[in-house]
Amino acid sequence: MFRQTAFGIALSTLVLASGMSSTYVPGQTSTNKSDKSDHNQVLSMSSRQVTLPPVTMKSTDLERSVFDQINRYRASKGLPKLSLSAKISRQARIHSQNMAKGKVPFSHQGFRKRVSTIPIRYRSAAENVAFNLGYSDPAQEAVSGWLHSPGHLANLKGNYNMTGIGVATNSQGEVYLTQIFLRSGR
């Protein structure tokens, strides 16, 4: 990762883990075939330079910003808006916190358990995660990265009606974002 240079300037870094999605299988509590995703990562470095500290917004403001941006995008494509669920957001937030604390790697590890823990019946589920450092608007950078990644974009445009978003920042200023999508119903 790129940290502060001798001149106090940081290169902004955005890393995305490939999007994870799954489909409901009758009789199963969880809908994911495997807890392991394709861990190909996309690294995007911007030439824009931002003075640290990178984040001054509260995590809840960043979560709301991601939610609003995703719904604006979906509306622009003629897709129905997603409803924000506190139950889903709780699991997304826990995953982001665990990644920020180094308890789990930056990945979709535990996706099956995360979605099966959500007390909502669903037919399908997906997840996008992002990590960034040094951006003045980490939510915008994550959404922009997801929109330019085919797997993440498929999740954003998917046949889902609910979402939850969780953001966590660690002491190094690294921002972790998780968005979980669900299609509720039987």
N, C-alpha and C. Protein backbone atom coordinates (compact mmCIF):
# COMPACT_ATOMS: atom_id res chain seq x y z
N MET A 1 0.83 -1.17 0.00
CA MET A 1 0.00 0.00 0.00
C MET A 1 0.88 1.24 0.00
N PHE A 2 0.35 2.28 -0.51
CA PHE A 2 1.06 3.54 -0.54
C PHE A 2 0.70 4.34 0.69
N ARG A 3 1.67 4.78 1.41
CA ARG A 3 1.47 5.56 2.63
C ARG A 3 1.98 6.97 2.39
N GLN A 4 2.12 7.70 3.44
CA GLN A 4 2.56 9.08 3.37
C GLN A 4 4.01 9.14 2.86
N THR A 5 4.28 10.07 1.99
CA THR A 5 5.63 10.26 1.47
C THR A 5 6.35 11.29 2.34
N ALA A 6 7.59 11.55 1.99
CA ALA A 6 8.38 12.52 2.75
C ALA A 6 7.76 13.91 2.73
N PHE A 7 6.93 14.19 1.74
CA PHE A 7 6.33 15.52 1.62
C PHE A 7 4.92 15.58 2.19
N GLY A 8 4.47 14.49 2.83
CA GLY A 8 3.15 14.51 3.45
C GLY A 8 2.02 14.31 2.47
N ILE A 9 2.29 13.78 1.30
CA ILE A 9 1.27 13.54 0.29
C ILE A 9 1.13 12.04 0.12
N ALA A 10 -0.09 11.57 -0.03
CA ALA A 10 -0.34 10.14 -0.22
C ALA A 10 -0.90 9.93 -1.62
N LEU A 11 -0.50 8.84 -2.24
CA LEU A 11 -1.14 8.43 -3.47
C LEU A 11 -2.44 7.77 -3.07
N SER A 12 -3.49 8.07 -3.76
CA SER A 12 -4.77 7.46 -3.45
C SER A 12 -4.81 6.07 -4.05
N THR A 13 -5.28 5.13 -3.29
CA THR A 13 -5.32 3.74 -3.72
C THR A 13 -6.72 3.19 -3.52
N LEU A 14 -7.24 2.50 -4.51
CA LEU A 14 -8.53 1.84 -4.43
C LEU A 14 -8.33 0.40 -4.83
N VAL A 15 -8.80 -0.52 -4.00
CA VAL A 15 -8.72 -1.94 -4.30
C VAL A 15 -10.11 -2.51 -4.19
N LEU A 16 -10.50 -3.31 -5.16
CA LEU A 16 -11.81 -3.95 -5.17
C LEU A 16 -11.61 -5.46 -5.16
N ALA A 17 -12.36 -6.17 -4.38
CA ALA A 17 -12.39 -7.62 -4.48
C ALA A 17 -13.53 -7.95 -5.43
N SER A 18 -13.34 -8.96 -6.26
CA SER A 18 -14.36 -9.25 -7.26
C SER A 18 -15.70 -9.52 -6.60
N GLY A 19 -16.76 -9.09 -7.26
CA GLY A 19 -18.11 -9.21 -6.72
C GLY A 19 -18.49 -10.66 -6.49
N MET A 20 -19.29 -10.89 -5.48
CA MET A 20 -19.74 -12.22 -5.12
C MET A 20 -21.25 -12.24 -5.23
N SER A 21 -21.79 -13.27 -5.87
CA SER A 21 -23.24 -13.39 -5.92
C SER A 21 -23.62 -14.86 -5.84
N SER A 22 -24.87 -15.11 -5.53
CA SER A 22 -25.34 -16.48 -5.43
C SER A 22 -26.84 -16.52 -5.66
N THR A 23 -27.36 -17.69 -5.84
CA THR A 23 -28.78 -17.89 -6.10
C THR A 23 -29.35 -18.85 -5.07
N TYR A 24 -30.60 -18.66 -4.72
CA TYR A 24 -31.26 -19.49 -3.71
C TYR A 24 -31.33 -20.94 -4.15
N VAL A 25 -31.07 -21.84 -3.22
CA VAL A 25 -31.22 -23.27 -3.44
C VAL A 25 -32.23 -23.75 -2.41
N PRO A 26 -33.41 -24.25 -2.83
CA PRO A 26 -34.43 -24.66 -1.87
C PRO A 26 -33.86 -25.65 -0.86
N GLY A 27 -34.27 -25.46 0.41
CA GLY A 27 -33.83 -26.37 1.46
C GLY A 27 -32.53 -25.98 2.12
N GLN A 28 -31.86 -24.98 1.61
CA GLN A 28 -30.61 -24.54 2.22
C GLN A 28 -30.82 -23.21 2.91
N THR A 29 -30.13 -23.03 4.03
CA THR A 29 -30.20 -21.77 4.75
C THR A 29 -29.42 -20.71 4.02
N SER A 30 -28.27 -21.08 3.49
CA SER A 30 -27.40 -20.13 2.81
C SER A 30 -27.50 -20.36 1.32
N THR A 31 -27.13 -19.34 0.54
CA THR A 31 -27.30 -19.47 -0.90
C THR A 31 -26.00 -19.44 -1.68
N ASN A 32 -24.89 -19.52 -1.02
CA ASN A 32 -23.62 -19.43 -1.73
C ASN A 32 -23.01 -20.81 -1.87
N LYS A 33 -22.49 -21.13 -3.04
CA LYS A 33 -21.87 -22.42 -3.28
C LYS A 33 -20.61 -22.61 -2.46
N SER A 34 -19.90 -21.53 -2.21
CA SER A 34 -18.61 -21.62 -1.53
C SER A 34 -18.36 -20.32 -0.79
N ASP A 35 -17.62 -20.42 0.31
CA ASP A 35 -17.24 -19.20 1.03
C ASP A 35 -16.09 -18.50 0.34
N LYS A 36 -15.49 -19.14 -0.66
CA LYS A 36 -14.34 -18.54 -1.32
C LYS A 36 -14.78 -17.95 -2.65
N SER A 37 -14.35 -16.74 -2.91
CA SER A 37 -14.67 -16.10 -4.19
C SER A 37 -13.42 -16.10 -5.05
N ASP A 38 -13.59 -15.69 -6.28
CA ASP A 38 -12.45 -15.45 -7.15
C ASP A 38 -11.76 -14.22 -6.59
N HIS A 39 -10.58 -14.39 -6.05
CA HIS A 39 -9.92 -13.30 -5.35
C HIS A 39 -9.05 -12.44 -6.26
N ASN A 40 -9.37 -12.41 -7.54
CA ASN A 40 -8.68 -11.47 -8.41
C ASN A 40 -9.00 -10.08 -7.91
N GLN A 41 -7.99 -9.27 -7.75
CA GLN A 41 -8.22 -7.92 -7.27
C GLN A 41 -7.86 -6.92 -8.35
N VAL A 42 -8.62 -5.86 -8.38
CA VAL A 42 -8.37 -4.78 -9.32
C VAL A 42 -7.75 -3.65 -8.53
N LEU A 43 -6.59 -3.22 -8.93
CA LEU A 43 -5.91 -2.12 -8.26
C LEU A 43 -5.96 -0.92 -9.18
N SER A 44 -6.45 0.16 -8.65
CA SER A 44 -6.56 1.39 -9.43
C SER A 44 -5.88 2.49 -8.65
N MET A 45 -4.82 3.05 -9.20
CA MET A 45 -4.15 4.16 -8.53
C MET A 45 -4.41 5.43 -9.31
N SER A 46 -4.76 6.44 -8.61
CA SER A 46 -5.07 7.72 -9.22
C SER A 46 -3.86 8.63 -9.11
N SER A 47 -3.71 9.51 -10.06
CA SER A 47 -2.62 10.49 -9.98
C SER A 47 -3.00 11.66 -9.08
N ARG A 48 -4.29 11.71 -8.69
CA ARG A 48 -4.70 12.75 -7.76
C ARG A 48 -4.02 12.53 -6.42
N GLN A 49 -3.57 13.58 -5.83
CA GLN A 49 -2.92 13.46 -4.53
C GLN A 49 -3.75 14.18 -3.48
N VAL A 50 -3.87 13.54 -2.34
CA VAL A 50 -4.68 14.07 -1.26
C VAL A 50 -3.85 14.09 -0.01
N THR A 51 -3.90 15.16 0.73
CA THR A 51 -3.18 15.24 1.98
C THR A 51 -3.90 14.41 3.03
N LEU A 52 -3.16 13.59 3.78
CA LEU A 52 -3.75 12.82 4.86
C LEU A 52 -4.10 13.74 6.02
N PRO A 53 -5.07 13.47 6.85
CA PRO A 53 -5.87 12.28 6.88
C PRO A 53 -6.94 12.29 5.80
N PRO A 54 -7.24 11.12 5.21
CA PRO A 54 -8.12 11.05 4.07
C PRO A 54 -9.60 11.15 4.38
N VAL A 55 -10.03 10.77 5.58
CA VAL A 55 -11.45 10.67 5.84
C VAL A 55 -11.84 11.57 6.99
N THR A 56 -12.79 12.45 6.74
CA THR A 56 -13.31 13.28 7.81
C THR A 56 -14.80 13.02 8.00
N MET A 57 -15.41 12.25 7.11
CA MET A 57 -16.83 11.93 7.21
C MET A 57 -17.03 10.78 8.19
N LYS A 58 -18.17 10.75 8.85
CA LYS A 58 -18.52 9.63 9.71
C LYS A 58 -18.88 8.42 8.85
N SER A 59 -18.67 7.22 9.40
CA SER A 59 -18.99 5.99 8.67
C SER A 59 -20.44 5.95 8.23
N THR A 60 -21.36 6.41 9.06
CA THR A 60 -22.77 6.40 8.69
C THR A 60 -23.06 7.34 7.52
N ASP A 61 -22.34 8.46 7.45
CA ASP A 61 -22.50 9.36 6.30
C ASP A 61 -21.99 8.70 5.03
N LEU A 62 -20.87 7.96 5.13
CA LEU A 62 -20.32 7.26 3.97
C LEU A 62 -21.29 6.16 3.52
N GLU A 63 -21.86 5.44 4.48
CA GLU A 63 -22.83 4.39 4.13
C GLU A 63 -24.02 4.99 3.40
N ARG A 64 -24.53 6.09 3.89
CA ARG A 64 -25.68 6.74 3.26
C ARG A 64 -25.31 7.24 1.86
N SER A 65 -24.09 7.74 1.72
CA SER A 65 -23.64 8.21 0.42
C SER A 65 -23.59 7.07 -0.60
N VAL A 66 -23.06 5.92 -0.20
CA VAL A 66 -23.03 4.76 -1.10
C VAL A 66 -24.46 4.38 -1.48
N PHE A 67 -25.34 4.29 -0.50
CA PHE A 67 -26.74 3.94 -0.76
C PHE A 67 -27.37 4.89 -1.76
N ASP A 68 -27.23 6.18 -1.53
CA ASP A 68 -27.82 7.17 -2.43
C ASP A 68 -27.23 7.09 -3.84
N GLN A 69 -25.93 6.92 -3.95
CA GLN A 69 -25.29 6.84 -5.26
C GLN A 69 -25.75 5.60 -6.04
N ILE A 70 -25.85 4.46 -5.35
CA ILE A 70 -26.29 3.23 -6.01
C ILE A 70 -27.73 3.38 -6.48
N ASN A 71 -28.59 3.94 -5.65
CA ASN A 71 -29.98 4.11 -6.07
C ASN A 71 -30.12 5.12 -7.21
N ARG A 72 -29.31 6.16 -7.21
CA ARG A 72 -29.34 7.10 -8.36
C ARG A 72 -28.91 6.38 -9.63
N TYR A 73 -27.88 5.56 -9.53
CA TYR A 73 -27.42 4.81 -10.71
C TYR A 73 -28.53 3.88 -11.19
N ARG A 74 -29.11 3.11 -10.27
CA ARG A 74 -30.17 2.17 -10.66
C ARG A 74 -31.34 2.91 -11.31
N ALA A 75 -31.73 4.04 -10.75
CA ALA A 75 -32.84 4.82 -11.33
C ALA A 75 -32.49 5.30 -12.73
N SER A 76 -31.23 5.70 -12.93
CA SER A 76 -30.80 6.18 -14.26
C SER A 76 -30.84 5.08 -15.31
N LYS A 77 -30.83 3.83 -14.88
CA LYS A 77 -30.88 2.69 -15.80
C LYS A 77 -32.27 2.07 -15.85
N GLY A 78 -33.25 2.74 -15.23
CA GLY A 78 -34.62 2.24 -15.24
C GLY A 78 -34.84 1.07 -14.30
N LEU A 79 -33.94 0.87 -13.35
CA LEU A 79 -34.07 -0.22 -12.39
C LEU A 79 -34.74 0.28 -11.12
N PRO A 80 -35.46 -0.59 -10.43
CA PRO A 80 -36.09 -0.13 -9.18
C PRO A 80 -35.05 0.17 -8.11
N LYS A 81 -35.37 1.15 -7.29
CA LYS A 81 -34.47 1.50 -6.19
C LYS A 81 -34.47 0.38 -5.15
N LEU A 82 -33.37 0.28 -4.44
CA LEU A 82 -33.23 -0.69 -3.36
C LEU A 82 -33.71 -0.06 -2.06
N SER A 83 -34.24 -0.87 -1.17
CA SER A 83 -34.57 -0.37 0.17
C SER A 83 -33.39 -0.70 1.08
N LEU A 84 -33.12 0.18 2.01
CA LEU A 84 -32.00 0.01 2.93
C LEU A 84 -32.50 -0.73 4.17
N SER A 85 -31.82 -1.81 4.50
CA SER A 85 -32.20 -2.63 5.64
C SER A 85 -31.15 -2.52 6.75
N ALA A 86 -31.60 -2.20 7.94
CA ALA A 86 -30.69 -2.14 9.09
C ALA A 86 -30.13 -3.52 9.41
N LYS A 87 -30.92 -4.58 9.17
CA LYS A 87 -30.47 -5.94 9.44
C LYS A 87 -29.33 -6.34 8.50
N ILE A 88 -29.46 -5.97 7.25
CA ILE A 88 -28.40 -6.27 6.27
C ILE A 88 -27.19 -5.39 6.54
N SER A 89 -27.43 -4.12 6.82
CA SER A 89 -26.33 -3.19 7.09
C SER A 89 -25.50 -3.64 8.29
N ARG A 90 -26.16 -4.22 9.28
CA ARG A 90 -25.42 -4.69 10.46
C ARG A 90 -24.36 -5.72 10.05
N GLN A 91 -24.74 -6.67 9.20
CA GLN A 91 -23.78 -7.69 8.76
C GLN A 91 -22.70 -7.10 7.87
N ALA A 92 -23.08 -6.16 7.01
CA ALA A 92 -22.09 -5.50 6.15
C ALA A 92 -21.10 -4.71 7.00
N ARG A 93 -21.59 -4.04 8.02
CA ARG A 93 -20.73 -3.25 8.91
C ARG A 93 -19.77 -4.14 9.69
N ILE A 94 -20.27 -5.28 10.18
CA ILE A 94 -19.41 -6.22 10.91
C ILE A 94 -18.28 -6.69 10.01
N HIS A 95 -18.60 -7.02 8.75
CA HIS A 95 -17.55 -7.49 7.83
C HIS A 95 -16.52 -6.39 7.58
N SER A 96 -16.98 -5.17 7.35
CA SER A 96 -16.04 -4.07 7.13
C SER A 96 -15.17 -3.84 8.37
N GLN A 97 -15.77 -3.91 9.54
CA GLN A 97 -15.00 -3.74 10.78
C GLN A 97 -13.96 -4.84 10.94
N ASN A 98 -14.35 -6.07 10.64
CA ASN A 98 -13.40 -7.18 10.74
C ASN A 98 -12.24 -7.05 9.77
N MET A 99 -12.52 -6.57 8.56
CA MET A 99 -11.43 -6.34 7.60
C MET A 99 -10.54 -5.21 8.08
N ALA A 100 -11.14 -4.12 8.56
CA ALA A 100 -10.36 -2.96 9.02
C ALA A 100 -9.45 -3.32 10.19
N LYS A 101 -9.92 -4.22 11.04
CA LYS A 101 -9.14 -4.63 12.22
C LYS A 101 -8.15 -5.76 11.90
N GLY A 102 -8.19 -6.28 10.67
CA GLY A 102 -7.30 -7.36 10.29
C GLY A 102 -7.74 -8.72 10.80
N LYS A 103 -8.99 -8.84 11.26
CA LYS A 103 -9.50 -10.13 11.75
C LYS A 103 -9.76 -11.09 10.60
N VAL A 104 -10.12 -10.55 9.45
CA VAL A 104 -10.31 -11.34 8.23
C VAL A 104 -9.61 -10.60 7.11
N PRO A 105 -9.18 -11.33 6.07
CA PRO A 105 -8.55 -10.64 4.95
C PRO A 105 -9.56 -9.82 4.17
N PHE A 106 -9.05 -8.89 3.39
CA PHE A 106 -9.90 -8.14 2.47
C PHE A 106 -10.40 -9.12 1.43
N SER A 107 -11.64 -9.54 1.56
CA SER A 107 -12.18 -10.59 0.69
C SER A 107 -13.67 -10.77 0.95
N HIS A 108 -14.21 -11.79 0.31
CA HIS A 108 -15.60 -12.19 0.54
C HIS A 108 -15.65 -13.36 1.52
N GLN A 109 -14.56 -13.63 2.18
CA GLN A 109 -14.50 -14.74 3.12
C GLN A 109 -15.64 -14.62 4.13
N GLY A 110 -16.39 -15.69 4.33
CA GLY A 110 -17.50 -15.68 5.26
C GLY A 110 -18.81 -15.19 4.68
N PHE A 111 -18.88 -15.00 3.36
CA PHE A 111 -20.10 -14.50 2.72
C PHE A 111 -21.30 -15.38 3.07
N ARG A 112 -21.15 -16.68 2.97
CA ARG A 112 -22.25 -17.61 3.26
C ARG A 112 -22.78 -17.38 4.67
N LYS A 113 -21.90 -17.29 5.63
CA LYS A 113 -22.31 -17.10 7.02
C LYS A 113 -22.97 -15.73 7.22
N ARG A 114 -22.40 -14.70 6.59
CA ARG A 114 -22.97 -13.34 6.71
C ARG A 114 -24.42 -13.31 6.27
N VAL A 115 -24.69 -13.82 5.09
CA VAL A 115 -26.06 -13.73 4.58
C VAL A 115 -27.00 -14.69 5.29
N SER A 116 -26.50 -15.84 5.74
CA SER A 116 -27.39 -16.76 6.46
C SER A 116 -27.73 -16.23 7.85
N THR A 117 -26.92 -15.32 8.38
CA THR A 117 -27.17 -14.72 9.69
C THR A 117 -28.24 -13.62 9.63
N ILE A 118 -28.46 -13.07 8.46
CA ILE A 118 -29.46 -12.00 8.30
C ILE A 118 -30.85 -12.62 8.44
N PRO A 119 -31.66 -12.14 9.36
CA PRO A 119 -32.99 -12.74 9.60
C PRO A 119 -34.04 -12.30 8.58
N ILE A 120 -33.74 -12.50 7.31
CA ILE A 120 -34.65 -12.15 6.22
C ILE A 120 -34.64 -13.32 5.24
N ARG A 121 -35.80 -13.77 4.82
CA ARG A 121 -35.87 -14.81 3.77
C ARG A 121 -35.47 -14.17 2.44
N TYR A 122 -34.62 -14.86 1.71
CA TYR A 122 -34.18 -14.28 0.44
C TYR A 122 -34.02 -15.38 -0.60
N ARG A 123 -34.09 -14.97 -1.87
CA ARG A 123 -33.92 -15.88 -2.99
C ARG A 123 -32.52 -15.81 -3.57
N SER A 124 -31.91 -14.65 -3.50
CA SER A 124 -30.55 -14.50 -4.01
C SER A 124 -29.85 -13.41 -3.23
N ALA A 125 -28.51 -13.47 -3.28
CA ALA A 125 -27.70 -12.51 -2.53
C ALA A 125 -26.42 -12.24 -3.29
N ALA A 126 -25.85 -11.08 -3.05
CA ALA A 126 -24.57 -10.71 -3.66
C ALA A 126 -23.87 -9.75 -2.72
N GLU A 127 -22.58 -9.56 -2.97
CA GLU A 127 -21.79 -8.68 -2.13
C GLU A 127 -20.71 -7.99 -2.94
N ASN A 128 -20.53 -6.72 -2.68
CA ASN A 128 -19.40 -5.96 -3.21
C ASN A 128 -18.59 -5.44 -2.03
N VAL A 129 -17.28 -5.51 -2.15
CA VAL A 129 -16.42 -4.92 -1.12
C VAL A 129 -15.38 -4.04 -1.80
N ALA A 130 -14.93 -3.03 -1.06
CA ALA A 130 -13.89 -2.14 -1.57
C ALA A 130 -13.03 -1.68 -0.40
N PHE A 131 -11.82 -1.30 -0.72
CA PHE A 131 -10.87 -0.78 0.26
C PHE A 131 -10.24 0.43 -0.40
N ASN A 132 -10.10 1.52 0.33
CA ASN A 132 -9.34 2.62 -0.23
C ASN A 132 -8.66 3.42 0.86
N LEU A 133 -7.69 4.20 0.41
CA LEU A 133 -6.85 4.99 1.29
C LEU A 133 -6.45 6.26 0.57
N GLY A 134 -6.64 7.39 1.22
CA GLY A 134 -6.14 8.64 0.66
C GLY A 134 -7.13 9.44 -0.15
N TYR A 135 -8.35 8.96 -0.31
CA TYR A 135 -9.35 9.71 -1.07
C TYR A 135 -10.15 10.61 -0.14
N SER A 136 -10.49 11.79 -0.61
CA SER A 136 -11.30 12.69 0.21
C SER A 136 -12.75 12.22 0.27
N ASP A 137 -13.22 11.43 -0.71
CA ASP A 137 -14.57 10.88 -0.70
C ASP A 137 -14.49 9.38 -0.98
N PRO A 138 -14.21 8.58 0.04
CA PRO A 138 -14.04 7.14 -0.16
C PRO A 138 -15.29 6.45 -0.70
N ALA A 139 -16.46 6.94 -0.36
CA ALA A 139 -17.70 6.34 -0.87
C ALA A 139 -17.77 6.51 -2.39
N GLN A 140 -17.50 7.70 -2.88
CA GLN A 140 -17.53 7.96 -4.33
C GLN A 140 -16.51 7.09 -5.06
N GLU A 141 -15.32 6.95 -4.50
CA GLU A 141 -14.29 6.13 -5.14
C GLU A 141 -14.69 4.67 -5.20
N ALA A 142 -15.30 4.15 -4.14
CA ALA A 142 -15.74 2.76 -4.13
C ALA A 142 -16.82 2.55 -5.18
N VAL A 143 -17.83 3.41 -5.20
CA VAL A 143 -18.92 3.27 -6.17
C VAL A 143 -18.38 3.40 -7.59
N SER A 144 -17.51 4.35 -7.83
CA SER A 144 -16.91 4.51 -9.16
C SER A 144 -16.16 3.24 -9.58
N GLY A 145 -15.40 2.69 -8.65
CA GLY A 145 -14.68 1.44 -8.94
C GLY A 145 -15.63 0.30 -9.26
N TRP A 146 -16.71 0.18 -8.48
CA TRP A 146 -17.68 -0.87 -8.73
C TRP A 146 -18.36 -0.70 -10.08
N LEU A 147 -18.66 0.54 -10.46
CA LEU A 147 -19.31 0.79 -11.75
C LEU A 147 -18.42 0.45 -12.93
N HIS A 148 -17.11 0.44 -12.72
CA HIS A 148 -16.17 0.15 -13.80
C HIS A 148 -15.65 -1.28 -13.76
N SER A 149 -16.23 -2.12 -12.93
CA SER A 149 -15.83 -3.52 -12.79
C SER A 149 -17.02 -4.40 -13.18
N PRO A 150 -16.88 -5.26 -14.20
CA PRO A 150 -18.03 -6.05 -14.67
C PRO A 150 -18.73 -6.86 -13.57
N GLY A 151 -18.00 -7.53 -12.71
CA GLY A 151 -18.62 -8.34 -11.66
C GLY A 151 -19.39 -7.51 -10.65
N HIS A 152 -18.79 -6.39 -10.24
CA HIS A 152 -19.45 -5.50 -9.28
C HIS A 152 -20.67 -4.83 -9.92
N LEU A 153 -20.52 -4.43 -11.17
CA LEU A 153 -21.62 -3.79 -11.88
C LEU A 153 -22.80 -4.74 -12.02
N ALA A 154 -22.53 -6.02 -12.29
CA ALA A 154 -23.61 -7.01 -12.38
C ALA A 154 -24.39 -7.07 -11.06
N ASN A 155 -23.69 -7.00 -9.95
CA ASN A 155 -24.37 -6.99 -8.65
C ASN A 155 -25.20 -5.72 -8.48
N LEU A 156 -24.63 -4.57 -8.85
CA LEU A 156 -25.34 -3.30 -8.71
C LEU A 156 -26.62 -3.27 -9.54
N LYS A 157 -26.59 -3.91 -10.71
CA LYS A 157 -27.72 -3.92 -11.61
C LYS A 157 -28.62 -5.13 -11.41
N GLY A 158 -28.26 -6.00 -10.47
CA GLY A 158 -28.96 -7.26 -10.28
C GLY A 158 -30.41 -7.11 -9.82
N ASN A 159 -31.11 -8.23 -9.88
CA ASN A 159 -32.53 -8.29 -9.51
C ASN A 159 -32.66 -8.39 -7.99
N TYR A 160 -32.27 -7.34 -7.31
CA TYR A 160 -32.33 -7.27 -5.85
C TYR A 160 -33.28 -6.16 -5.46
N ASN A 161 -33.86 -6.28 -4.26
CA ASN A 161 -34.75 -5.24 -3.79
C ASN A 161 -34.34 -4.65 -2.44
N MET A 162 -33.33 -5.26 -1.82
CA MET A 162 -32.86 -4.77 -0.52
C MET A 162 -31.33 -4.70 -0.52
N THR A 163 -30.82 -3.82 0.32
CA THR A 163 -29.37 -3.73 0.45
C THR A 163 -29.02 -3.31 1.88
N GLY A 164 -27.77 -3.51 2.19
CA GLY A 164 -27.20 -3.02 3.43
C GLY A 164 -25.77 -2.63 3.17
N ILE A 165 -25.32 -1.59 3.81
CA ILE A 165 -23.97 -1.06 3.57
C ILE A 165 -23.28 -0.86 4.91
N GLY A 166 -22.02 -1.27 4.95
CA GLY A 166 -21.23 -1.07 6.15
C GLY A 166 -19.86 -0.52 5.82
N VAL A 167 -19.44 0.50 6.56
CA VAL A 167 -18.15 1.14 6.33
C VAL A 167 -17.38 1.15 7.66
N ALA A 168 -16.10 0.88 7.57
CA ALA A 168 -15.24 0.96 8.75
C ALA A 168 -13.89 1.54 8.33
N THR A 169 -13.32 2.35 9.21
CA THR A 169 -12.01 2.96 8.98
C THR A 169 -11.09 2.56 10.14
N ASN A 170 -9.86 2.20 9.81
CA ASN A 170 -8.92 1.86 10.88
C ASN A 170 -8.00 3.04 11.19
N SER A 171 -7.10 2.84 12.13
CA SER A 171 -6.23 3.93 12.59
C SER A 171 -5.24 4.39 11.53
N GLN A 172 -5.01 3.59 10.49
CA GLN A 172 -4.14 4.00 9.39
C GLN A 172 -4.88 4.81 8.33
N GLY A 173 -6.18 5.02 8.53
CA GLY A 173 -6.97 5.77 7.56
C GLY A 173 -7.50 4.93 6.42
N GLU A 174 -7.34 3.60 6.51
CA GLU A 174 -7.85 2.71 5.47
C GLU A 174 -9.36 2.57 5.66
N VAL A 175 -10.09 2.71 4.55
CA VAL A 175 -11.55 2.65 4.59
C VAL A 175 -12.00 1.37 3.90
N TYR A 176 -12.79 0.57 4.61
CA TYR A 176 -13.34 -0.69 4.07
C TYR A 176 -14.83 -0.53 3.91
N LEU A 177 -15.33 -0.91 2.74
CA LEU A 177 -16.75 -0.77 2.44
C LEU A 177 -17.30 -2.12 2.00
N THR A 178 -18.45 -2.48 2.53
CA THR A 178 -19.15 -3.71 2.14
C THR A 178 -20.58 -3.35 1.80
N GLN A 179 -21.05 -3.84 0.66
CA GLN A 179 -22.46 -3.70 0.31
C GLN A 179 -23.00 -5.09 0.01
N ILE A 180 -24.07 -5.45 0.72
CA ILE A 180 -24.74 -6.74 0.52
C ILE A 180 -26.08 -6.46 -0.15
N PHE A 181 -26.40 -7.26 -1.15
CA PHE A 181 -27.67 -7.16 -1.89
C PHE A 181 -28.48 -8.41 -1.62
N LEU A 182 -29.78 -8.26 -1.41
CA LEU A 182 -30.68 -9.41 -1.26
C LEU A 182 -31.91 -9.23 -2.13
N ARG A 183 -32.42 -10.34 -2.62
CA ARG A 183 -33.75 -10.39 -3.24
C ARG A 183 -34.61 -11.12 -2.24
N SER A 184 -35.45 -10.38 -1.53
CA SER A 184 -36.25 -10.99 -0.47
C SER A 184 -37.42 -11.77 -1.07
N GLY A 185 -37.95 -12.67 -0.28
CA GLY A 185 -39.10 -13.45 -0.70
C GLY A 185 -38.81 -14.94 -0.63
N ARG A 186 -39.78 -15.69 -0.95
CA ARG A 186 -39.64 -17.16 -0.87
C ARG A 186 -39.07 -17.71 -2.14
